[in-house]
Amino acid sequence: MMSIQNISQSEIRTSFSIVMPTHNEERDIGITLQTLSSLEYSNFDVLVVDDSSDSTPEIVKTFIDERFRYVRQTRGVGRSAARNQGILVAKGDVIVILNADVHLPADFLVSLDKHYQQGADYVLVESQVTNVEMLFPRYIQSQHRLYYGPDTKVNMNWTEGFSCRRSAAISVGLFPEGVGAPLVAGEDGWFGELLEDNGYKRVFDRSILVSHIMPADLSKFFTQRVGRGQGVAQIWYQRDNISRIELLLRATKQTFFALLGICFVVPIARHSYRFSRHSPRRLDDFIPFLWAVGLESVANVIGIWRGIIEACSNTKVET
């Protein structure tokens, strides 16, 4: 019988905890959990940290799998607080942060295990929007390929399917949750920057591909992009400590350029052309993407102003 001392490090599999914050995810959670049930790996568990008011809890509890745990969110408000609650109670050595609309390939944890066996502290992977038969998801995927695709060299610290050592997450203070108001976007990139700034070893493996479902209808797309704009403003004043005057100047500048693009079309057309070159429909998407770019521009400005108003009402922000 082989003794514990004779077992090589490569034979001791990394333990993973998949932490999934959920808020009214009844449309996506079932498929996502079914995908997790099919992972070709044994040493993992799943924590669903939930604050839903829909049928998400009932759907989660239909999965009779001892690896799946439903936890009601009791820590703070928002996505970062839910993630942090999950990290703190997780049992795995490595945390995988997963959104309810992201699907992992069957060999995902097997592939991650190799990197953590070789000393990685956090791992980034490639993502691909799958419902590209719809305009807005196709637009987001084209945007992703232009700005963050395989041909780019952008310094990234966050991707869908992100994972990191639990000890590293705790040592940098977990995910920023927000001061005065919960962060609605940008907290993930900020967290990745904290890991980088503290010298943790990053690996970016684009051969690991996760599937991502994006909002397809206009209202959800618009709401999501408003949230991205608000998150930008929150990062400005919560992380960068930008003064209220500078915040107002930045918001005014963003509004001016948005109006300029809409009125003169050329800036929007330039963006549409660049995005459409990365679309599966190529330049056939030039006209549809004009609409998407203009809509996103308006939503972004609305979100930034929402964040600025939030900042100005927060007495902790210094002028």
C-alpha atoms as a PDB file:
ATOM      1  CA  MET A   1       0.000   0.000   0.000  1.00  0.00           C
ATOM      2  CA  MET A   2       1.435   3.404  -1.010  1.00  0.00           C
ATOM      3  CA  SER A   3       2.160   5.640   1.972  1.00  0.00           C
ATOM      4  CA  ILE A   4       1.166   9.285   2.084  1.00  0.00           C
ATOM      5  CA  GLN A   5       4.834  10.249   1.985  1.00  0.00           C
ATOM      6  CA  ASN A   6       5.259   8.485  -1.392  1.00  0.00           C
ATOM      7  CA  ILE A   7       2.375  10.299  -3.104  1.00  0.00           C
ATOM      8  CA  SER A   8       3.813  12.887  -5.503  1.00  0.00           C
ATOM      9  CA  GLN A   9       2.537  16.462  -5.511  1.00  0.00           C
ATOM     10  CA  SER A  10       1.044  15.958  -8.992  1.00  0.00           C
ATOM     11  CA  GLU A  11      -1.174  13.170  -7.601  1.00  0.00           C
ATOM     12  CA  ILE A  12      -2.721  15.449  -4.949  1.00  0.00           C
ATOM     13  CA  ARG A  13      -5.468  17.324  -6.739  1.00  0.00           C
ATOM     14  CA  THR A  14      -6.218  20.954  -5.930  1.00  0.00           C
ATOM     15  CA  SER A  15      -9.444  21.490  -4.022  1.00  0.00           C
ATOM     16  CA  PHE A  16     -11.762  24.041  -5.646  1.00  0.00           C
ATOM     17  CA  SER A  17     -14.755  25.992  -4.369  1.00  0.00           C
ATOM     18  CA  ILE A  18     -16.948  27.554  -7.050  1.00  0.00           C
ATOM     19  CA  VAL A  19     -18.571  30.688  -5.596  1.00  0.00           C
ATOM     20  CA  MET A  20     -21.628  31.946  -7.450  1.00  0.00           C
ATOM     21  CA  PRO A  21     -23.443  35.115  -6.330  1.00  0.00           C
ATOM     22  CA  THR A  22     -27.031  35.119  -7.556  1.00  0.00           C
ATOM     23  CA  HIS A  23     -29.816  37.669  -7.772  1.00  0.00           C
ATOM     24  CA  ASN A  24     -33.011  36.588  -9.540  1.00  0.00           C
ATOM     25  CA  GLU A  25     -31.287  34.098 -11.830  1.00  0.00           C
ATOM     26  CA  GLU A  26     -34.186  31.685 -12.393  1.00  0.00           C
ATOM     27  CA  ARG A  27     -33.670  31.798 -16.174  1.00  0.00           C
ATOM     28  CA  ASP A  28     -29.995  30.772 -16.048  1.00  0.00           C
ATOM     29  CA  ILE A  29     -29.207  28.978 -12.793  1.00  0.00           C
ATOM     30  CA  GLY A  30     -30.603  25.555 -13.733  1.00  0.00           C
ATOM     31  CA  ILE A  31     -28.501  25.158 -16.876  1.00  0.00           C
ATOM     32  CA  THR A  32     -25.409  26.477 -15.098  1.00  0.00           C
ATOM     33  CA  LEU A  33     -25.724  24.013 -12.213  1.00  0.00           C
ATOM     34  CA  GLN A  34     -26.351  21.176 -14.656  1.00  0.00           C
ATOM     35  CA  THR A  35     -23.109  22.107 -16.407  1.00  0.00           C
ATOM     36  CA  LEU A  36     -21.260  22.082 -13.082  1.00  0.00           C
ATOM     37  CA  SER A  37     -22.646  18.618 -12.342  1.00  0.00           C
ATOM     38  CA  SER A  38     -20.848  17.381 -15.464  1.00  0.00           C
ATOM     39  CA  LEU A  39     -17.381  18.643 -14.561  1.00  0.00           C
ATOM     40  CA  GLU A  40     -14.705  15.985 -14.990  1.00  0.00           C
ATOM     41  CA  TYR A  41     -13.227  16.542 -11.559  1.00  0.00           C
ATOM     42  CA  SER A  42     -13.990  15.211  -8.089  1.00  0.00           C
ATOM     43  CA  ASN A  43     -12.445  17.601  -5.570  1.00  0.00           C
ATOM     44  CA  PHE A  44     -14.750  20.626  -5.746  1.00  0.00           C
ATOM     45  CA  ASP A  45     -17.851  22.124  -4.208  1.00  0.00           C
ATOM     46  CA  VAL A  46     -20.260  24.876  -5.256  1.00  0.00           C
ATOM     47  CA  LEU A  47     -21.574  27.689  -3.059  1.00  0.00           C
ATOM     48  CA  VAL A  48     -24.575  29.618  -4.358  1.00  0.00           C
ATOM     49  CA  VAL A  49     -24.751  32.859  -2.336  1.00  0.00           C
ATOM     50  CA  ASP A  50     -28.196  34.195  -3.053  1.00  0.00           C
ATOM     51  CA  ASP A  51     -30.371  37.238  -2.388  1.00  0.00           C
ATOM     52  CA  SER A  52     -33.084  36.460  -4.939  1.00  0.00           C
ATOM     53  CA  SER A  53     -36.786  37.181  -4.690  1.00  0.00           C
ATOM     54  CA  ASP A  54     -37.694  34.834  -7.564  1.00  0.00           C
ATOM     55  CA  SER A  55     -37.573  31.026  -7.761  1.00  0.00           C
ATOM     56  CA  THR A  56     -33.756  30.788  -7.791  1.00  0.00           C
ATOM     57  CA  PRO A  57     -33.595  29.155  -4.306  1.00  0.00           C
ATOM     58  CA  GLU A  58     -36.125  26.485  -5.236  1.00  0.00           C
ATOM     59  CA  ILE A  59     -34.271  25.642  -8.451  1.00  0.00           C
ATOM     60  CA  VAL A  60     -30.943  25.327  -6.637  1.00  0.00           C
ATOM     61  CA  LYS A  61     -32.458  23.044  -4.013  1.00  0.00           C
ATOM     62  CA  THR A  62     -33.762  20.643  -6.665  1.00  0.00           C
ATOM     63  CA  PHE A  63     -30.168  19.560  -7.320  1.00  0.00           C
ATOM     64  CA  ILE A  64     -29.546  16.612  -5.021  1.00  0.00           C
ATOM     65  CA  ASP A  65     -25.773  16.850  -4.983  1.00  0.00           C
ATOM     66  CA  GLU A  66     -23.823  17.044  -1.737  1.00  0.00           C
ATOM     67  CA  ARG A  67     -21.241  19.218  -3.477  1.00  0.00           C
ATOM     68  CA  PHE A  68     -23.815  22.003  -3.990  1.00  0.00           C
ATOM     69  CA  ARG A  69     -24.571  24.336  -1.106  1.00  0.00           C
ATOM     70  CA  TYR A  70     -27.213  27.050  -1.032  1.00  0.00           C
ATOM     71  CA  VAL A  71     -26.338  30.001   1.223  1.00  0.00           C
ATOM     72  CA  ARG A  72     -28.612  32.972   1.807  1.00  0.00           C
ATOM     73  CA  GLN A  73     -26.666  36.234   1.520  1.00  0.00           C
ATOM     74  CA  THR A  74     -26.324  37.880   4.918  1.00  0.00           C
ATOM     75  CA  ARG A  75     -23.215  39.954   4.321  1.00  0.00           C
ATOM     76  CA  GLY A  76     -23.748  43.489   3.027  1.00  0.00           C
ATOM     77  CA  VAL A  77     -25.403  44.319  -0.270  1.00  0.00           C
ATOM     78  CA  GLY A  78     -24.353  43.537  -3.818  1.00  0.00           C
ATOM     79  CA  ARG A  79     -22.210  41.139  -5.790  1.00  0.00           C
ATOM     80  CA  SER A  80     -18.894  41.791  -4.037  1.00  0.00           C
ATOM     81  CA  ALA A  81     -20.378  41.162  -0.601  1.00  0.00           C
ATOM     82  CA  ALA A  82     -21.899  37.899  -1.831  1.00  0.00           C
ATOM     83  CA  ARG A  83     -18.581  36.780  -3.295  1.00  0.00           C
ATOM     84  CA  ASN A  84     -16.768  37.643  -0.074  1.00  0.00           C
ATOM     85  CA  GLN A  85     -19.281  35.737   2.035  1.00  0.00           C
ATOM     86  CA  GLY A  86     -18.718  32.704  -0.179  1.00  0.00           C
ATOM     87  CA  ILE A  87     -14.932  32.993  -0.044  1.00  0.00           C
ATOM     88  CA  LEU A  88     -14.921  33.186   3.739  1.00  0.00           C
ATOM     89  CA  VAL A  89     -16.943  29.976   4.186  1.00  0.00           C
ATOM     90  CA  ALA A  90     -15.417  28.106   1.242  1.00  0.00           C
ATOM     91  CA  LYS A  91     -13.513  24.883   1.880  1.00  0.00           C
ATOM     92  CA  GLY A  92     -11.416  24.796  -1.297  1.00  0.00           C
ATOM     93  CA  ASP A  93      -7.839  26.000  -1.590  1.00  0.00           C
ATOM     94  CA  VAL A  94      -8.739  27.744  -4.859  1.00  0.00           C
ATOM     95  CA  ILE A  95     -11.818  29.878  -5.468  1.00  0.00           C
ATOM     96  CA  VAL A  96     -13.547  30.033  -8.856  1.00  0.00           C
ATOM     97  CA  ILE A  97     -15.778  33.102  -9.186  1.00  0.00           C
ATOM     98  CA  LEU A  98     -18.663  32.284 -11.482  1.00  0.00           C
ATOM     99  CA  ASN A  99     -21.624  34.281 -12.715  1.00  0.00           C
ATOM    100  CA  ALA A 100     -24.881  32.404 -13.187  1.00  0.00           C
ATOM    101  CA  ASP A 101     -24.813  32.950 -16.964  1.00  0.00           C
ATOM    102  CA  VAL A 102     -21.334  31.453 -17.490  1.00  0.00           C
ATOM    103  CA  HIS A 103     -20.915  27.780 -18.446  1.00  0.00           C
ATOM    104  CA  LEU A 104     -17.690  25.878 -17.829  1.00  0.00           C
ATOM    105  CA  PRO A 105     -16.321  23.167 -20.137  1.00  0.00           C
ATOM    106  CA  ALA A 106     -16.204  19.677 -18.648  1.00  0.00           C
ATOM    107  CA  ASP A 107     -12.387  19.717 -18.315  1.00  0.00           C
ATOM    108  CA  PHE A 108     -12.255  23.223 -16.787  1.00  0.00           C
ATOM    109  CA  LEU A 109     -11.019  22.244 -13.321  1.00  0.00           C
ATOM    110  CA  VAL A 110      -8.635  19.648 -14.752  1.00  0.00           C
ATOM    111  CA  SER A 111      -7.033  22.405 -16.831  1.00  0.00           C
ATOM    112  CA  LEU A 112      -6.902  24.825 -13.885  1.00  0.00           C
ATOM    113  CA  ASP A 113      -5.380  22.178 -11.622  1.00  0.00           C
ATOM    114  CA  LYS A 114      -2.294  21.987 -13.831  1.00  0.00           C
ATOM    115  CA  HIS A 115      -1.598  25.694 -13.399  1.00  0.00           C
ATOM    116  CA  TYR A 116      -2.077  25.675  -9.630  1.00  0.00           C
ATOM    117  CA  GLN A 117       0.145  22.593  -9.339  1.00  0.00           C
ATOM    118  CA  GLN A 118       2.813  24.651 -11.094  1.00  0.00           C
ATOM    119  CA  GLY A 119       2.526  27.572  -8.675  1.00  0.00           C
ATOM    120  CA  ALA A 120      -0.063  29.945 -10.152  1.00  0.00           C
ATOM    121  CA  ASP A 121      -1.848  32.234  -7.673  1.00  0.00           C
ATOM    122  CA  TYR A 122      -4.632  33.365 -10.009  1.00  0.00           C
ATOM    123  CA  VAL A 123      -5.683  32.245 -13.461  1.00  0.00           C
ATOM    124  CA  LEU A 124      -7.453  34.093 -16.261  1.00  0.00           C
ATOM    125  CA  VAL A 125      -9.202  32.261 -19.104  1.00  0.00           C
ATOM    126  CA  GLU A 126     -10.839  33.120 -22.418  1.00  0.00           C
ATOM    127  CA  SER A 127     -14.581  33.679 -22.698  1.00  0.00           C
ATOM    128  CA  GLN A 128     -16.959  33.631 -25.620  1.00  0.00           C
ATOM    129  CA  VAL A 129     -20.520  34.898 -25.893  1.00  0.00           C
ATOM    130  CA  THR A 130     -22.580  32.041 -27.278  1.00  0.00           C
ATOM    131  CA  ASN A 131     -25.981  33.585 -28.088  1.00  0.00           C
ATOM    132  CA  VAL A 132     -24.501  35.599 -30.968  1.00  0.00           C
ATOM    133  CA  GLU A 133     -27.533  34.998 -33.158  1.00  0.00           C
ATOM    134  CA  MET A 134     -28.936  38.030 -31.302  1.00  0.00           C
ATOM    135  CA  LEU A 135     -27.717  41.574 -31.996  1.00  0.00           C
ATOM    136  CA  PHE A 136     -26.608  42.782 -28.568  1.00  0.00           C
ATOM    137  CA  PRO A 137     -24.751  39.593 -27.545  1.00  0.00           C
ATOM    138  CA  ARG A 138     -23.030  39.609 -30.959  1.00  0.00           C
ATOM    139  CA  TYR A 139     -22.081  43.248 -30.403  1.00  0.00           C
ATOM    140  CA  ILE A 140     -20.559  42.485 -26.981  1.00  0.00           C
ATOM    141  CA  GLN A 141     -18.594  39.537 -28.361  1.00  0.00           C
ATOM    142  CA  SER A 142     -17.254  41.670 -31.214  1.00  0.00           C
ATOM    143  CA  GLN A 143     -16.251  44.340 -28.715  1.00  0.00           C
ATOM    144  CA  HIS A 144     -14.490  41.728 -26.615  1.00  0.00           C
ATOM    145  CA  ARG A 145     -12.491  40.413 -29.562  1.00  0.00           C
ATOM    146  CA  LEU A 146     -11.396  43.915 -30.556  1.00  0.00           C
ATOM    147  CA  TYR A 147     -10.323  45.080 -27.105  1.00  0.00           C
ATOM    148  CA  TYR A 148      -9.392  41.850 -25.308  1.00  0.00           C
ATOM    149  CA  GLY A 149      -9.101  39.134 -27.951  1.00  0.00           C
ATOM    150  CA  PRO A 150      -6.142  36.860 -28.729  1.00  0.00           C
ATOM    151  CA  ASP A 151      -4.480  39.493 -30.911  1.00  0.00           C
ATOM    152  CA  THR A 152      -4.399  42.099 -28.122  1.00  0.00           C
ATOM    153  CA  LYS A 153      -1.751  42.617 -25.476  1.00  0.00           C
ATOM    154  CA  VAL A 154      -3.888  44.464 -22.936  1.00  0.00           C
ATOM    155  CA  ASN A 155      -2.885  43.948 -19.302  1.00  0.00           C
ATOM    156  CA  MET A 156      -5.877  42.017 -17.939  1.00  0.00           C
ATOM    157  CA  ASN A 157      -6.508  41.053 -14.347  1.00  0.00           C
ATOM    158  CA  TRP A 158     -10.044  39.697 -14.644  1.00  0.00           C
ATOM    159  CA  THR A 159     -11.990  37.440 -16.977  1.00  0.00           C
ATOM    160  CA  GLU A 160     -15.125  35.319 -16.781  1.00  0.00           C
ATOM    161  CA  GLY A 161     -14.203  32.031 -15.116  1.00  0.00           C
ATOM    162  CA  PHE A 162     -11.646  33.807 -12.909  1.00  0.00           C
ATOM    163  CA  SER A 163      -9.966  31.799 -10.163  1.00  0.00           C
ATOM    164  CA  CYS A 164      -7.453  32.484  -7.408  1.00  0.00           C
ATOM    165  CA  ARG A 165      -6.040  30.939  -4.270  1.00  0.00           C
ATOM    166  CA  ARG A 166      -8.341  31.523  -1.321  1.00  0.00           C
ATOM    167  CA  SER A 167      -5.409  32.624   0.836  1.00  0.00           C
ATOM    168  CA  ALA A 168      -4.464  35.279  -1.736  1.00  0.00           C
ATOM    169  CA  ALA A 169      -8.032  36.630  -1.870  1.00  0.00           C
ATOM    170  CA  ILE A 170      -8.134  36.961   1.904  1.00  0.00           C
ATOM    171  CA  SER A 171      -4.680  38.517   2.116  1.00  0.00           C
ATOM    172  CA  VAL A 172      -5.622  41.420  -0.201  1.00  0.00           C
ATOM    173  CA  GLY A 173      -8.792  42.127   1.751  1.00  0.00           C
ATOM    174  CA  LEU A 174     -11.280  40.277  -0.489  1.00  0.00           C
ATOM    175  CA  PHE A 175     -13.364  42.040  -3.152  1.00  0.00           C
ATOM    176  CA  PRO A 176     -13.903  45.786  -2.678  1.00  0.00           C
ATOM    177  CA  GLU A 177     -17.531  46.142  -1.604  1.00  0.00           C
ATOM    178  CA  GLY A 178     -17.886  49.907  -1.834  1.00  0.00           C
ATOM    179  CA  VAL A 179     -17.963  52.788   0.624  1.00  0.00           C
ATOM    180  CA  GLY A 180     -21.278  54.553   1.063  1.00  0.00           C
ATOM    181  CA  ALA A 181     -22.783  52.555  -1.808  1.00  0.00           C
ATOM    182  CA  PRO A 182     -22.149  49.020  -3.117  1.00  0.00           C
ATOM    183  CA  LEU A 183     -20.024  48.787  -6.246  1.00  0.00           C
ATOM    184  CA  VAL A 184     -22.120  47.797  -9.253  1.00  0.00           C
ATOM    185  CA  ALA A 185     -19.241  47.281 -11.719  1.00  0.00           C
ATOM    186  CA  GLY A 186     -15.459  47.440 -11.844  1.00  0.00           C
ATOM    187  CA  GLU A 187     -14.939  45.655  -8.535  1.00  0.00           C
ATOM    188  CA  ASP A 188     -13.597  42.560 -10.271  1.00  0.00           C
ATOM    189  CA  GLY A 189     -10.849  44.388 -12.157  1.00  0.00           C
ATOM    190  CA  TRP A 190      -9.971  46.275  -8.969  1.00  0.00           C
ATOM    191  CA  PHE A 191      -9.648  42.956  -7.119  1.00  0.00           C
ATOM    192  CA  GLY A 192      -7.364  41.600  -9.848  1.00  0.00           C
ATOM    193  CA  GLU A 193      -5.196  44.703  -9.598  1.00  0.00           C
ATOM    194  CA  LEU A 194      -4.850  44.147  -5.848  1.00  0.00           C
ATOM    195  CA  LEU A 195      -3.534  40.651  -6.533  1.00  0.00           C
ATOM    196  CA  GLU A 196      -1.074  41.967  -9.114  1.00  0.00           C
ATOM    197  CA  ASP A 197       0.080  44.830  -6.877  1.00  0.00           C
ATOM    198  CA  ASN A 198       0.770  42.357  -4.085  1.00  0.00           C
ATOM    199  CA  GLY A 199       3.018  40.252  -6.296  1.00  0.00           C
ATOM    200  CA  TYR A 200       0.801  37.230  -6.837  1.00  0.00           C
ATOM    201  CA  LYS A 201       1.618  35.070  -9.858  1.00  0.00           C
ATOM    202  CA  ARG A 202      -0.838  35.387 -12.741  1.00  0.00           C
ATOM    203  CA  VAL A 203      -1.415  32.907 -15.559  1.00  0.00           C
ATOM    204  CA  PHE A 204      -3.568  33.703 -18.598  1.00  0.00           C
ATOM    205  CA  ASP A 205      -4.515  30.539 -20.449  1.00  0.00           C
ATOM    206  CA  ARG A 206      -6.568  31.388 -23.545  1.00  0.00           C
ATOM    207  CA  SER A 207      -6.871  27.720 -24.444  1.00  0.00           C
ATOM    208  CA  ILE A 208      -9.419  27.385 -21.609  1.00  0.00           C
ATOM    209  CA  LEU A 209     -12.678  28.694 -23.051  1.00  0.00           C
ATOM    210  CA  VAL A 210     -15.837  29.383 -21.037  1.00  0.00           C
ATOM    211  CA  SER A 211     -19.242  30.184 -22.529  1.00  0.00           C
ATOM    212  CA  HIS A 212     -21.065  33.369 -21.597  1.00  0.00           C
ATOM    213  CA  ILE A 213     -24.728  34.253 -22.149  1.00  0.00           C
ATOM    214  CA  MET A 214     -25.372  37.981 -22.590  1.00  0.00           C
ATOM    215  CA  PRO A 215     -28.638  39.980 -22.330  1.00  0.00           C
ATOM    216  CA  ALA A 216     -30.396  39.884 -25.688  1.00  0.00           C
ATOM    217  CA  ASP A 217     -33.289  42.303 -25.269  1.00  0.00           C
ATOM    218  CA  LEU A 218     -32.950  46.068 -25.429  1.00  0.00           C
ATOM    219  CA  SER A 219     -33.997  46.907 -21.877  1.00  0.00           C
ATOM    220  CA  LYS A 220     -31.577  44.464 -20.244  1.00  0.00           C
ATOM    221  CA  PHE A 221     -28.729  45.523 -22.510  1.00  0.00           C
ATOM    222  CA  PHE A 222     -29.387  49.181 -21.727  1.00  0.00           C
ATOM    223  CA  THR A 223     -29.632  48.544 -17.973  1.00  0.00           C
ATOM    224  CA  GLN A 224     -26.388  46.575 -18.010  1.00  0.00           C
ATOM    225  CA  ARG A 225     -24.520  49.336 -19.842  1.00  0.00           C
ATOM    226  CA  VAL A 226     -25.917  51.968 -17.447  1.00  0.00           C
ATOM    227  CA  GLY A 227     -24.472  49.856 -14.638  1.00  0.00           C
ATOM    228  CA  ARG A 228     -21.086  49.780 -16.368  1.00  0.00           C
ATOM    229  CA  GLY A 229     -21.105  53.567 -16.580  1.00  0.00           C
ATOM    230  CA  GLN A 230     -22.069  53.901 -12.938  1.00  0.00           C
ATOM    231  CA  GLY A 231     -19.265  51.505 -12.033  1.00  0.00           C
ATOM    232  CA  VAL A 232     -16.764  53.709 -13.863  1.00  0.00           C
ATOM    233  CA  ALA A 233     -17.790  56.705 -11.775  1.00  0.00           C
ATOM    234  CA  GLN A 234     -17.670  54.628  -8.590  1.00  0.00           C
ATOM    235  CA  ILE A 235     -14.118  53.535  -9.346  1.00  0.00           C
ATOM    236  CA  TRP A 236     -13.153  57.163  -9.960  1.00  0.00           C
ATOM    237  CA  TYR A 237     -14.257  58.319  -6.538  1.00  0.00           C
ATOM    238  CA  GLN A 238     -13.939  55.178  -4.405  1.00  0.00           C
ATOM    239  CA  ARG A 239     -10.597  53.865  -5.645  1.00  0.00           C
ATOM    240  CA  ASP A 240      -8.938  56.849  -7.294  1.00  0.00           C
ATOM    241  CA  ASN A 241     -10.212  59.435  -4.764  1.00  0.00           C
ATOM    242  CA  ILE A 242     -11.110  61.906  -7.504  1.00  0.00           C
ATOM    243  CA  SER A 243     -12.549  65.166  -6.163  1.00  0.00           C
ATOM    244  CA  ARG A 244     -16.141  66.150  -6.824  1.00  0.00           C
ATOM    245  CA  ILE A 245     -15.051  68.937  -9.153  1.00  0.00           C
ATOM    246  CA  GLU A 246     -12.905  66.553 -11.202  1.00  0.00           C
ATOM    247  CA  LEU A 247     -15.765  64.057 -11.261  1.00  0.00           C
ATOM    248  CA  LEU A 248     -18.106  66.700 -12.687  1.00  0.00           C
ATOM    249  CA  LEU A 249     -15.516  67.696 -15.287  1.00  0.00           C
ATOM    250  CA  ARG A 250     -15.048  64.082 -16.371  1.00  0.00           C
ATOM    251  CA  ALA A 251     -18.798  63.490 -16.587  1.00  0.00           C
ATOM    252  CA  THR A 252     -19.252  66.673 -18.622  1.00  0.00           C
ATOM    253  CA  LYS A 253     -16.466  65.587 -20.980  1.00  0.00           C
ATOM    254  CA  GLN A 254     -18.042  62.158 -21.457  1.00  0.00           C
ATOM    255  CA  THR A 255     -21.430  63.763 -22.131  1.00  0.00           C
ATOM    256  CA  PHE A 256     -19.919  66.137 -24.698  1.00  0.00           C
ATOM    257  CA  PHE A 257     -18.237  63.342 -26.650  1.00  0.00           C
ATOM    258  CA  ALA A 258     -21.389  61.212 -26.535  1.00  0.00           C
ATOM    259  CA  LEU A 259     -23.484  64.052 -27.941  1.00  0.00           C
ATOM    260  CA  LEU A 260     -20.802  64.797 -30.526  1.00  0.00           C
ATOM    261  CA  GLY A 261     -20.834  61.195 -31.691  1.00  0.00           C
ATOM    262  CA  ILE A 262     -24.618  61.098 -31.953  1.00  0.00           C
ATOM    263  CA  CYS A 263     -24.946  64.436 -33.730  1.00  0.00           C
ATOM    264  CA  PHE A 264     -22.128  63.960 -36.231  1.00  0.00           C
ATOM    265  CA  VAL A 265     -22.380  60.154 -36.567  1.00  0.00           C
ATOM    266  CA  VAL A 266     -18.749  59.800 -37.705  1.00  0.00           C
ATOM    267  CA  PRO A 267     -17.342  58.764 -34.280  1.00  0.00           C
ATOM    268  CA  ILE A 268     -20.106  56.205 -33.831  1.00  0.00           C
ATOM    269  CA  ALA A 269     -19.611  54.973 -37.400  1.00  0.00           C
ATOM    270  CA  ARG A 270     -15.894  54.509 -36.748  1.00  0.00           C
ATOM    271  CA  HIS A 271     -16.605  52.358 -33.689  1.00  0.00           C
ATOM    272  CA  SER A 272     -19.278  50.411 -35.550  1.00  0.00           C
ATOM    273  CA  TYR A 273     -16.865  49.669 -38.394  1.00  0.00           C
ATOM    274  CA  ARG A 274     -14.145  48.442 -36.012  1.00  0.00           C
ATOM    275  CA  PHE A 275     -16.562  46.221 -34.069  1.00  0.00           C
ATOM    276  CA  SER A 276     -18.234  44.804 -37.187  1.00  0.00           C
ATOM    277  CA  ARG A 277     -14.875  43.602 -38.514  1.00  0.00           C
ATOM    278  CA  HIS A 278     -14.814  41.212 -35.533  1.00  0.00           C
ATOM    279  CA  SER A 279     -18.431  40.118 -35.918  1.00  0.00           C
ATOM    280  CA  PRO A 280     -19.288  36.687 -37.389  1.00  0.00           C
ATOM    281  CA  ARG A 281     -21.441  38.634 -39.858  1.00  0.00           C
ATOM    282  CA  ARG A 282     -18.622  41.051 -40.621  1.00  0.00           C
ATOM    283  CA  LEU A 283     -19.692  44.309 -42.299  1.00  0.00           C
ATOM    284  CA  ASP A 284     -23.302  43.173 -42.509  1.00  0.00           C
ATOM    285  CA  ASP A 285     -23.416  44.277 -38.884  1.00  0.00           C
ATOM    286  CA  PHE A 286     -22.181  47.802 -39.599  1.00  0.00           C
ATOM    287  CA  ILE A 287     -25.678  49.368 -39.599  1.00  0.00           C
ATOM    288  CA  PRO A 288     -27.033  47.318 -36.651  1.00  0.00           C
ATOM    289  CA  PHE A 289     -23.902  48.132 -34.657  1.00  0.00           C
ATOM    290  CA  LEU A 290     -24.463  51.854 -35.270  1.00  0.00           C
ATOM    291  CA  TRP A 291     -27.627  51.485 -33.220  1.00  0.00           C
ATOM    292  CA  ALA A 292     -25.840  49.469 -30.516  1.00  0.00           C
ATOM    293  CA  VAL A 293     -22.931  51.914 -30.231  1.00  0.00           C
ATOM    294  CA  GLY A 294     -25.254  54.902 -29.936  1.00  0.00           C
ATOM    295  CA  LEU A 295     -27.403  53.164 -27.345  1.00  0.00           C
ATOM    296  CA  GLU A 296     -24.375  52.123 -25.320  1.00  0.00           C
ATOM    297  CA  SER A 297     -22.980  55.646 -25.451  1.00  0.00           C
ATOM    298  CA  VAL A 298     -26.183  57.114 -24.027  1.00  0.00           C
ATOM    299  CA  ALA A 299     -26.430  54.399 -21.357  1.00  0.00           C
ATOM    300  CA  ASN A 300     -22.815  54.922 -20.344  1.00  0.00           C
ATOM    301  CA  VAL A 301     -23.321  58.651 -19.829  1.00  0.00           C
ATOM    302  CA  ILE A 302     -26.499  58.090 -17.819  1.00  0.00           C
ATOM    303  CA  GLY A 303     -24.615  55.615 -15.637  1.00  0.00           C
ATOM    304  CA  ILE A 304     -21.682  57.975 -15.096  1.00  0.00           C
ATOM    305  CA  TRP A 305     -24.009  60.776 -14.018  1.00  0.00           C
ATOM    306  CA  ARG A 306     -25.815  58.372 -11.711  1.00  0.00           C
ATOM    307  CA  GLY A 307     -22.476  57.530 -10.133  1.00  0.00           C
ATOM    308  CA  ILE A 308     -21.524  61.212  -9.864  1.00  0.00           C
ATOM    309  CA  ILE A 309     -24.804  62.041  -8.105  1.00  0.00           C
ATOM    310  CA  GLU A 310     -24.144  59.121  -5.768  1.00  0.00           C
ATOM    311  CA  ALA A 311     -20.648  60.464  -5.065  1.00  0.00           C
ATOM    312  CA  CYS A 312     -21.845  63.986  -4.419  1.00  0.00           C
ATOM    313  CA  SER A 313     -24.358  62.725  -1.881  1.00  0.00           C
ATOM    314  CA  ASN A 314     -21.671  60.714  -0.117  1.00  0.00           C
ATOM    315  CA  THR A 315     -20.182  62.815   2.665  1.00  0.00           C
ATOM    316  CA  LYS A 316     -17.084  60.602   2.751  1.00  0.00           C
ATOM    317  CA  VAL A 317     -15.902  61.924  -0.611  1.00  0.00           C
ATOM    318  CA  GLU A 318     -13.576  64.866  -0.160  1.00  0.00           C
ATOM    319  CA  THR A 319     -13.611  67.939  -2.362  1.00  0.00           C
END
